[in-house]
Each structure stands twice: as C-alpha cells, then as structure tokens.
Amino acid sequence: MKSFKFDFAKVNDSIPMINFLESLSVKEKALIYKNMQKLVEYKNNNFNLSDKFTKPLRDGIFELKVDLQNKTSRSLYFYEKNQMIIFTNGFIKKSQKAPSKEIRKAIKIMEAYQNE
C-alpha cells in the first residue's frame, strides 16, 4: 500500500503555508488541516479525486480547495519523491481561476525547496 504524507516547504527560514494558515481563524485552520489529511488518506487508498477537491494547475503544481464559511481557500502543493505532498502556499479565492501570481509563487517555492 502507498504511504503518502504531507509537509510544508521551508524557504529562507520561512514557511509560507504556515504563514497563510496563521492568518486564519482556528476553525478555518482546522478545516484546512482536515482536508490535507483527507487528501493523504485518499491518495493512500487510490481514490479518484474530484476537481472540486483538488486539481492540477501547471508545472507540477496542484491545488487543494477547501470551502470555509463564506469563502474558499486554496492550498497549493506538489509531489516530491517518497510519496511526499509538499504544501507551498495558500490564499483565499477571489475568483474562479487560481491567480497566476500565486501559481508562480508556488513554482518558485517548489524550485527553492528542490534545490536545497
């Protein structure tokens, strides 16, 4: 059986995903963590994942969507060797598409992480 796990990318002594999570309420943070764990569980059990839950964006970056009270958070991540899911950054959705700026930020974090 596969054994996926998740972690957060650390770049220049900063963890952008944690910085994002710290800007949210305790309830919102808990819901996002719960969905991160659900992603791992689904991957470990080979479940098909809905585009409403997660989908590929570009250049190896994926998004995890979480509906909060009256907004939607998006947590960006990539896959690393040994079944690691590495979360790069997150943001509150303001439009249907993930902003290019946030995707570019995730790509830079991924590249810095992989070059460490």
Protein backbone atom coordinates (compact mmCIF):
# COMPACT_ATOMS: atom_id res chain seq x y z
CA MET A 1 0.00 0.00 0.00
CA LYS A 2 1.17 3.51 -0.76
CA SER A 3 2.13 5.69 2.14
CA PHE A 4 1.64 9.35 1.27
CA LYS A 5 2.41 12.01 3.86
CA PHE A 6 2.36 15.79 3.75
CA ASP A 7 4.73 18.51 4.86
CA PHE A 8 5.33 22.21 4.29
CA ALA A 9 8.05 23.77 2.17
CA LYS A 10 10.55 25.84 4.14
CA VAL A 11 12.34 28.51 2.15
CA ASN A 12 14.79 31.04 3.61
CA ASP A 13 13.73 30.23 7.18
CA SER A 14 10.10 30.91 6.26
CA ILE A 15 7.21 28.51 5.76
CA PRO A 16 4.75 30.34 3.51
CA MET A 17 1.92 27.82 4.01
CA ILE A 18 2.14 28.18 7.80
CA ASN A 19 2.17 31.97 7.40
CA PHE A 20 -1.08 31.69 5.44
CA LEU A 21 -2.66 29.33 7.97
CA GLU A 22 -1.76 31.68 10.84
CA SER A 23 -3.81 34.41 9.17
CA LEU A 24 -6.98 32.31 9.52
CA SER A 25 -9.32 31.55 12.41
CA VAL A 26 -8.80 28.38 14.45
CA LYS A 27 -11.88 26.81 12.84
CA GLU A 28 -10.67 27.63 9.31
CA LYS A 29 -7.19 26.28 10.06
CA ALA A 30 -8.66 23.06 11.43
CA LEU A 31 -10.80 22.58 8.34
CA ILE A 32 -7.81 23.04 6.02
CA TYR A 33 -5.67 20.59 8.06
CA LYS A 34 -8.55 18.10 7.98
CA ASN A 35 -8.69 18.35 4.18
CA MET A 36 -4.90 17.95 3.90
CA GLN A 37 -5.21 14.74 5.90
CA LYS A 38 -8.16 13.67 3.74
CA LEU A 39 -6.02 14.21 0.62
CA VAL A 40 -3.35 11.91 2.07
CA GLU A 41 -5.94 9.30 3.02
CA TYR A 42 -7.50 9.40 -0.46
CA LYS A 43 -4.10 9.10 -2.15
CA ASN A 44 -3.11 6.20 0.11
CA ASN A 45 -6.32 4.37 -0.80
CA ASN A 46 -6.13 5.14 -4.53
CA PHE A 47 -9.45 7.03 -4.56
CA ASN A 48 -10.33 9.09 -7.61
CA LEU A 49 -10.20 12.75 -6.64
CA SER A 50 -12.81 15.23 -7.82
CA ASP A 51 -11.80 18.52 -9.44
CA LYS A 52 -13.96 20.15 -6.77
CA PHE A 53 -11.49 18.87 -4.16
CA THR A 54 -8.12 19.05 -5.90
CA LYS A 55 -6.79 19.50 -9.41
CA PRO A 56 -3.55 20.09 -11.30
CA LEU A 57 -2.78 23.70 -12.22
CA ARG A 58 0.50 23.74 -14.14
CA ASP A 59 4.21 22.87 -13.96
CA GLY A 60 3.67 20.21 -11.29
CA ILE A 61 1.59 22.45 -9.01
CA PHE A 62 -1.80 21.27 -7.73
CA GLU A 63 -4.46 22.98 -5.64
CA LEU A 64 -6.48 21.72 -2.71
CA LYS A 65 -9.80 23.57 -2.42
CA VAL A 66 -11.50 23.99 0.94
CA ASP A 67 -14.86 25.69 1.39
CA LEU A 68 -14.82 27.82 4.50
CA GLN A 69 -17.80 29.69 5.95
CA ASN A 70 -18.33 32.24 3.18
CA LYS A 71 -15.12 31.91 1.19
CA THR A 72 -12.87 29.29 -0.37
CA SER A 73 -9.24 28.67 0.46
CA ARG A 74 -6.80 27.19 -1.98
CA SER A 75 -3.66 25.46 -0.80
CA LEU A 76 -1.04 24.84 -3.46
CA TYR A 77 1.20 21.79 -3.39
CA PHE A 78 3.45 19.48 -5.37
CA TYR A 79 4.52 15.86 -5.15
CA GLU A 80 8.03 15.02 -4.04
CA LYS A 81 9.76 11.64 -4.10
CA ASN A 82 8.79 9.04 -1.50
CA GLN A 83 5.09 9.92 -1.70
CA MET A 84 5.51 13.31 -0.06
CA ILE A 85 2.93 16.02 -0.69
CA ILE A 86 4.61 19.37 -0.10
CA PHE A 87 2.36 22.37 0.51
CA THR A 88 3.87 25.64 -0.72
CA ASN A 89 1.42 28.47 -0.08
CA GLY A 90 -2.24 29.24 0.31
CA PHE A 91 -4.70 32.03 -0.31
CA ILE A 92 -8.37 32.92 -0.15
CA LYS A 93 -10.03 32.54 -3.52
CA LYS A 94 -11.36 35.75 -5.01
CA SER A 95 -12.16 34.44 -8.50
CA GLN A 96 -12.86 31.17 -10.30
CA LYS A 97 -9.26 30.78 -11.51
CA ALA A 98 -6.21 30.48 -9.34
CA PRO A 99 -4.25 33.73 -9.77
CA SER A 100 -1.10 33.39 -11.89
CA LYS A 101 0.81 35.29 -9.21
CA GLU A 102 0.04 32.60 -6.62
CA ILE A 103 0.93 29.79 -9.03
CA ARG A 104 4.24 31.49 -9.89
CA LYS A 105 4.93 31.87 -6.15
CA ALA A 106 4.26 28.14 -5.64
CA ILE A 107 6.60 27.24 -8.52
CA LYS A 108 9.38 29.40 -7.04
CA ILE A 109 8.88 27.79 -3.62
CA MET A 110 8.93 24.31 -5.20
CA GLU A 111 12.15 25.09 -7.09
CA ALA A 112 13.84 26.52 -3.99
CA TYR A 113 12.72 23.50 -1.94
CA GLN A 114 14.03 21.05 -4.51
CA ASN A 115 17.37 22.88 -4.76
CA GLU A 116 18.08 22.77 -1.02
